[in-house]
Amino acid sequence: MQPIRIDIEGAAAVSATWFEAQVPAEGSRIGRERAVVVVAPALSTPQAFYAGFCRWLAAQGHDVLSFDYRGIESGSAAQARASGIDMETWLRVDVSVAIDEARRRAGGRPLLYVGHSLGGMALGATPGAARVDRAITIASGSGYPGLNPRSGRQLWLLGRVAMPLYTRLFGYFPGAPIRKVGNLPRGVALQWSGWLRRRGYWFDDPAYDMRERFASVRCPLLALSFSDDKAIQQPAVDDLHARYVATTVRRVHLAPAQAGLARIGHMGFFRRDAAALWPAALRWLEAGEWRLETPAAATP
């Protein structure tokens, strides 16, 4: 595991970590082509949260690159307040430079992508998607309240009241103290709250060409969601992935019991107690095949 900095001309570097591939464990498939996997984080989730999953991928024989969005690496109020970044810059620049660095290190090997929540949404919004060979999104969907029956009221209040009000009062969104998504730079918070108020989310914002960006994605894609996710629900996931009109999208919506688990939720896929799901995800990344191999599993 090696911390690295990905330089951006005229701007702060993106903080990332490089996990070098290890010899695959005994019993792993022999002769598969090693790849490089980019792991893109959820909003306000540090790359350290994904370290266990990244190490596991490296143990299966793949190099892995994880990263943090600029302006929130430390999670501190001071860093968020001082940052002039917005979410569009994360999408167009931070995610793209991570993909480009992984592609450079891949040296012609396949480039794979795992995006969690915002990281999954970013796949369709970043120019770097053109360089991805196969991808998985985990718990990624539109933030529009009407598409999220469990969290809709909370998202409505966040987008229309809490985020605009607190951001303008404090110069950043103080999400950590109120336990809502974490501390965010002013530009990120105001841009996101505006998208939360639109039925089509960022696709309805005339300032951005999100429909065209998503329509340009060509890599095969698996969209994985969970029935006990209280943040993003199935209608929101379906709505987002319907925008990928130029590629094949495989949708898998799981109840925890189908994987022999008590819970998964919005964050649980990347925790060790959900590691039974990881081989199925890797099988998709390597070969475009989804199959759970647990006694309780029933593949949709």
Protein backbone atom coordinates (compact mmCIF):
# COMPACT_ATOMS: atom_id res chain seq x y z
CA MET A 1 0.00 0.00 0.00
CA GLN A 2 1.64 3.23 -1.17
CA PRO A 3 0.22 6.76 -0.66
CA ILE A 4 0.63 8.82 -3.85
CA ARG A 5 -0.23 12.30 -5.08
CA ILE A 6 -1.74 12.83 -8.53
CA ASP A 7 -0.67 16.25 -9.74
CA ILE A 8 -3.09 18.61 -11.45
CA GLU A 9 -1.62 21.57 -13.29
CA GLY A 10 -2.34 24.78 -11.43
CA ALA A 11 -4.32 23.08 -8.67
CA ALA A 12 -3.97 20.98 -5.54
CA ALA A 13 -3.04 17.35 -6.11
CA VAL A 14 -5.48 14.47 -5.59
CA SER A 15 -4.53 12.22 -2.68
CA ALA A 16 -4.57 8.55 -3.64
CA THR A 17 -3.31 5.14 -2.56
CA TRP A 18 -1.77 2.46 -4.75
CA PHE A 19 -2.28 -1.17 -3.73
CA GLU A 20 0.15 -3.37 -5.61
CA ALA A 21 -1.13 -6.74 -6.79
CA GLN A 22 -0.15 -9.73 -4.69
CA VAL A 23 0.20 -13.35 -5.80
CA PRO A 24 -3.37 -14.71 -6.01
CA ALA A 25 -4.35 -16.96 -3.14
CA GLU A 26 -4.23 -20.70 -3.66
CA GLY A 27 -7.34 -21.85 -5.45
CA SER A 28 -7.79 -18.63 -7.44
CA ARG A 29 -8.23 -18.95 -11.18
CA ILE A 30 -4.92 -19.28 -13.00
CA GLY A 31 -4.04 -17.45 -16.15
CA ARG A 32 -6.44 -14.54 -15.85
CA GLU A 33 -5.15 -11.19 -17.02
CA ARG A 34 -4.19 -8.88 -14.21
CA ALA A 35 -6.01 -5.55 -14.29
CA VAL A 36 -5.99 -2.19 -12.53
CA VAL A 37 -9.08 -1.30 -10.51
CA VAL A 38 -10.10 2.26 -9.60
CA VAL A 39 -12.22 2.49 -6.43
CA ALA A 40 -14.17 5.78 -6.37
CA PRO A 41 -15.61 6.82 -3.00
CA ALA A 42 -18.99 7.96 -1.80
CA LEU A 43 -19.61 11.55 -0.75
CA SER A 44 -17.60 12.45 2.38
CA THR A 45 -16.28 8.92 2.72
CA PRO A 46 -12.48 8.75 3.12
CA GLN A 47 -10.54 6.34 0.94
CA ALA A 48 -9.38 4.58 4.12
CA PHE A 49 -12.91 3.13 4.41
CA TYR A 50 -12.24 1.07 1.26
CA ALA A 51 -8.79 -0.20 2.27
CA GLY A 52 -9.98 -3.68 3.23
CA PHE A 53 -11.73 -4.17 -0.09
CA CYS A 54 -8.72 -2.79 -1.96
CA ARG A 55 -6.33 -5.14 -0.16
CA TRP A 56 -8.60 -8.05 -1.01
CA LEU A 57 -8.58 -7.11 -4.69
CA ALA A 58 -4.79 -6.87 -4.56
CA ALA A 59 -4.64 -10.32 -3.00
CA GLN A 60 -6.61 -11.60 -5.99
CA GLY A 61 -3.87 -10.34 -8.31
CA HIS A 62 -5.05 -6.88 -9.36
CA ASP A 63 -3.47 -3.48 -8.80
CA VAL A 64 -5.85 -1.01 -7.16
CA LEU A 65 -6.03 2.78 -6.93
CA SER A 66 -8.26 4.54 -4.39
CA PHE A 67 -8.48 8.31 -3.89
CA ASP A 68 -10.08 11.19 -2.00
CA TYR A 69 -12.03 14.08 -3.47
CA ARG A 70 -10.14 17.32 -2.96
CA GLY A 71 -11.32 19.66 -0.22
CA ILE A 72 -12.62 16.99 2.14
CA GLU A 73 -9.63 14.65 2.59
CA SER A 74 -9.24 15.43 6.31
CA GLY A 75 -12.95 15.81 6.96
CA SER A 76 -12.22 18.99 8.91
CA ALA A 77 -14.34 22.12 8.96
CA ALA A 78 -11.26 24.26 8.24
CA GLN A 79 -10.42 22.35 5.06
CA ALA A 80 -14.00 22.41 3.79
CA ARG A 81 -14.34 26.13 4.51
CA ALA A 82 -11.08 26.95 2.73
CA SER A 83 -11.84 24.90 -0.38
CA GLY A 84 -13.22 26.63 -3.46
CA ILE A 85 -14.07 23.38 -5.23
CA ASP A 86 -17.50 22.26 -6.46
CA MET A 87 -18.97 18.85 -7.27
CA GLU A 88 -18.71 19.34 -11.02
CA THR A 89 -14.94 19.70 -10.60
CA TRP A 90 -14.84 16.46 -8.64
CA LEU A 91 -16.69 14.75 -11.47
CA ARG A 92 -14.77 16.21 -14.39
CA VAL A 93 -11.31 16.49 -12.85
CA ASP A 94 -10.74 14.42 -9.68
CA VAL A 95 -12.32 11.23 -10.97
CA SER A 96 -10.77 11.65 -14.42
CA VAL A 97 -7.22 12.17 -13.13
CA ALA A 98 -7.58 9.07 -10.93
CA ILE A 99 -8.69 7.05 -13.96
CA ASP A 100 -5.87 8.50 -16.07
CA GLU A 101 -3.25 7.66 -13.45
CA ALA A 102 -4.58 4.11 -13.22
CA ARG A 103 -4.54 3.79 -17.01
CA ARG A 104 -0.94 5.05 -17.12
CA ARG A 105 0.11 2.47 -14.54
CA ALA A 106 -1.90 -0.27 -16.26
CA GLY A 107 0.41 -0.24 -19.26
CA GLY A 108 -2.20 -1.69 -21.61
CA ARG A 109 -3.87 -4.00 -19.10
CA PRO A 110 -7.65 -3.78 -18.53
CA LEU A 111 -8.90 -0.83 -16.47
CA LEU A 112 -11.82 -1.62 -14.18
CA TYR A 113 -13.93 0.70 -12.04
CA VAL A 114 -15.83 0.29 -8.78
CA GLY A 115 -17.87 3.34 -7.77
CA HIS A 116 -19.71 3.68 -4.48
CA SER A 117 -22.71 6.03 -4.28
CA LEU A 118 -21.34 9.34 -5.67
CA GLY A 119 -18.35 7.43 -7.05
CA GLY A 120 -20.74 5.27 -9.05
CA MET A 121 -22.71 8.27 -10.26
CA ALA A 122 -19.45 9.90 -11.31
CA LEU A 123 -18.75 7.20 -13.89
CA GLY A 124 -21.32 8.65 -16.28
CA ALA A 125 -20.34 12.23 -15.57
CA THR A 126 -16.57 12.03 -16.06
CA PRO A 127 -14.67 12.13 -19.36
CA GLY A 128 -12.47 9.37 -17.94
CA ALA A 129 -15.26 6.83 -18.43
CA ALA A 130 -14.15 6.40 -22.03
CA ARG A 131 -11.00 4.69 -20.74
CA VAL A 132 -12.80 2.16 -18.48
CA ASP A 133 -13.21 -1.42 -19.73
CA ARG A 134 -15.81 -2.67 -17.23
CA ALA A 135 -17.49 -1.13 -14.17
CA ILE A 136 -19.64 -1.75 -11.11
CA THR A 137 -21.70 0.86 -9.30
CA ILE A 138 -22.61 0.16 -5.69
CA ALA A 139 -25.68 1.84 -4.14
CA SER A 140 -25.63 4.64 -6.73
CA GLY A 141 -28.78 6.48 -7.71
CA SER A 142 -30.48 9.82 -8.18
CA GLY A 143 -30.77 11.97 -5.07
CA TYR A 144 -34.19 13.30 -6.04
CA PRO A 145 -36.46 12.88 -2.97
CA GLY A 146 -39.44 11.58 -4.93
CA LEU A 147 -37.44 8.55 -6.11
CA ASN A 148 -36.32 7.63 -2.60
CA PRO A 149 -39.39 6.80 -0.51
CA ARG A 150 -37.45 5.98 2.67
CA SER A 151 -35.13 8.98 2.66
CA GLY A 152 -37.20 11.42 0.59
CA ARG A 153 -38.25 13.68 3.46
CA GLN A 154 -34.67 13.92 4.71
CA LEU A 155 -33.35 14.65 1.20
CA TRP A 156 -36.07 17.30 0.70
CA LEU A 157 -35.12 19.08 3.92
CA LEU A 158 -31.42 18.76 3.13
CA GLY A 159 -31.73 20.18 -0.38
CA ARG A 160 -34.25 22.94 0.29
CA VAL A 161 -33.52 24.02 3.87
CA ALA A 162 -30.52 22.69 5.78
CA MET A 163 -27.82 22.72 3.12
CA PRO A 164 -28.51 26.15 1.56
CA LEU A 165 -29.10 27.77 4.97
CA TYR A 166 -26.14 26.35 6.89
CA THR A 167 -23.76 26.73 3.94
CA ARG A 168 -24.50 30.42 3.57
CA LEU A 169 -24.27 30.96 7.33
CA PHE A 170 -20.96 29.16 7.88
CA GLY A 171 -19.23 29.39 4.50
CA TYR A 172 -19.28 25.59 4.18
CA PHE A 173 -21.79 22.86 4.99
CA PRO A 174 -21.19 21.69 8.60
CA GLY A 175 -22.46 18.19 8.00
CA ALA A 176 -20.25 16.45 10.56
CA PRO A 177 -21.69 18.17 13.66
CA ILE A 178 -25.28 17.55 12.56
CA ARG A 179 -24.46 14.04 11.26
CA LYS A 180 -25.59 14.74 7.69
CA VAL A 181 -23.19 13.57 4.92
CA GLY A 182 -20.11 15.26 6.45
CA ASN A 183 -18.41 18.64 6.07
CA LEU A 184 -18.58 19.92 2.48
CA PRO A 185 -17.06 22.92 0.67
CA ARG A 186 -19.49 25.70 -0.14
CA GLY A 187 -19.42 25.04 -3.89
CA VAL A 188 -20.10 21.32 -3.46
CA ALA A 189 -22.97 21.86 -1.03
CA LEU A 190 -24.78 24.56 -3.02
CA GLN A 191 -24.42 22.72 -6.32
CA TRP A 192 -25.62 19.44 -4.86
CA SER A 193 -28.56 21.03 -3.03
CA GLY A 194 -29.66 22.54 -6.33
CA TRP A 195 -29.61 19.13 -8.01
CA LEU A 196 -31.61 17.62 -5.14
CA ARG A 197 -34.44 20.01 -5.97
CA ARG A 198 -34.75 18.90 -9.62
CA ARG A 199 -36.90 15.94 -10.71
CA GLY A 200 -34.22 14.87 -13.16
CA TYR A 201 -31.43 15.64 -10.69
CA TRP A 202 -28.34 16.89 -12.54
CA PHE A 203 -29.79 15.77 -15.88
CA ASP A 204 -32.27 18.67 -15.65
CA ASP A 205 -29.62 21.31 -14.98
CA PRO A 206 -29.20 23.31 -18.23
CA ALA A 207 -25.71 24.37 -17.17
CA TYR A 208 -24.37 20.83 -17.65
CA ASP A 209 -24.49 18.24 -20.43
CA MET A 210 -25.05 15.24 -18.18
CA ARG A 211 -27.39 13.43 -20.59
CA GLU A 212 -24.74 13.55 -23.31
CA ARG A 213 -22.00 12.44 -20.94
CA PHE A 214 -23.94 9.38 -19.78
CA ALA A 215 -24.89 8.56 -23.35
CA SER A 216 -21.19 8.39 -24.28
CA VAL A 217 -20.35 5.58 -21.82
CA ARG A 218 -19.61 2.32 -23.65
CA CYS A 219 -18.20 -0.03 -21.00
CA PRO A 220 -20.37 -2.92 -19.71
CA LEU A 221 -21.85 -1.96 -16.34
CA LEU A 222 -23.27 -3.79 -13.32
CA ALA A 223 -25.50 -1.71 -11.03
CA LEU A 224 -25.76 -3.29 -7.58
CA SER A 225 -28.30 -2.08 -5.01
CA PHE A 226 -29.76 -3.37 -1.75
CA SER A 227 -33.26 -3.62 -0.36
CA ASP A 228 -32.24 -2.30 3.09
CA ASP A 229 -30.46 0.81 1.77
CA LYS A 230 -32.05 3.70 3.66
CA ALA A 231 -30.19 6.38 1.70
CA ILE A 232 -30.77 5.47 -1.97
CA GLN A 233 -33.62 3.17 -2.98
CA GLN A 234 -34.32 1.01 -6.02
CA PRO A 235 -36.38 3.57 -8.05
CA ALA A 236 -33.51 6.08 -7.79
CA VAL A 237 -30.96 3.49 -8.90
CA ASP A 238 -33.12 2.46 -11.85
CA ASP A 239 -33.66 6.09 -12.87
CA LEU A 240 -29.94 6.89 -12.89
CA HIS A 241 -28.89 3.79 -14.81
CA ALA A 242 -31.60 4.24 -17.45
CA ARG A 243 -29.44 7.16 -18.64
CA TYR A 244 -26.75 4.77 -19.88
CA VAL A 245 -28.33 4.38 -23.29
CA ALA A 246 -25.25 3.28 -25.24
CA THR A 247 -24.13 0.31 -23.19
CA THR A 248 -25.40 -2.83 -21.49
CA VAL A 249 -26.43 -2.37 -17.86
CA ARG A 250 -26.97 -5.41 -15.66
CA ARG A 251 -29.20 -4.58 -12.69
CA VAL A 252 -28.95 -6.64 -9.51
CA HIS A 253 -31.10 -5.65 -6.53
CA LEU A 254 -30.36 -7.80 -3.49
CA ALA A 255 -31.97 -8.43 -0.15
CA PRO A 256 -29.31 -9.15 2.51
CA ALA A 257 -30.69 -12.66 3.08
CA GLN A 258 -29.92 -13.56 -0.54
CA ALA A 259 -26.24 -13.19 0.34
CA GLY A 260 -26.58 -14.87 3.72
CA LEU A 261 -26.29 -11.52 5.53
CA ALA A 262 -28.35 -9.80 8.20
CA ARG A 263 -27.83 -6.36 6.66
CA ILE A 264 -25.97 -4.49 3.92
CA GLY A 265 -27.47 -1.01 3.67
CA HIS A 266 -25.81 1.91 1.92
CA MET A 267 -22.29 1.34 3.22
CA GLY A 268 -22.16 -2.34 4.10
CA PHE A 269 -20.87 -3.83 0.83
CA PHE A 270 -17.36 -2.60 1.64
CA ARG A 271 -17.29 -3.90 5.21
CA ARG A 272 -15.68 -7.23 6.05
CA ASP A 273 -18.92 -8.86 7.13
CA ALA A 274 -20.20 -8.48 3.55
CA ALA A 275 -17.08 -10.00 1.98
CA ALA A 276 -19.18 -12.89 0.68
CA LEU A 277 -20.30 -10.46 -2.04
CA TRP A 278 -16.79 -9.57 -3.18
CA PRO A 279 -16.03 -12.67 -5.28
CA ALA A 280 -19.25 -12.14 -7.26
CA ALA A 281 -18.29 -8.52 -7.89
CA LEU A 282 -14.81 -9.54 -9.00
CA ARG A 283 -16.27 -12.20 -11.29
CA TRP A 284 -18.21 -9.42 -13.01
CA LEU A 285 -15.16 -7.21 -13.32
CA GLU A 286 -13.02 -10.00 -14.72
CA ALA A 287 -15.49 -11.77 -16.97
CA GLY A 288 -18.79 -9.87 -17.09
CA GLU A 289 -20.57 -12.59 -15.12
CA TRP A 290 -22.64 -12.14 -11.96
CA ARG A 291 -23.11 -15.21 -9.79
CA LEU A 292 -23.35 -15.45 -6.01
CA GLU A 293 -21.91 -18.56 -4.46
CA THR A 294 -23.42 -18.64 -1.01
CA PRO A 295 -25.86 -21.24 0.38
CA ALA A 296 -28.62 -18.65 0.77
CA ALA A 297 -28.02 -16.89 -2.52
CA ALA A 298 -30.64 -16.58 -5.22
CA THR A 299 -29.39 -14.62 -8.20
CA PRO A 300 -32.06 -12.27 -9.57
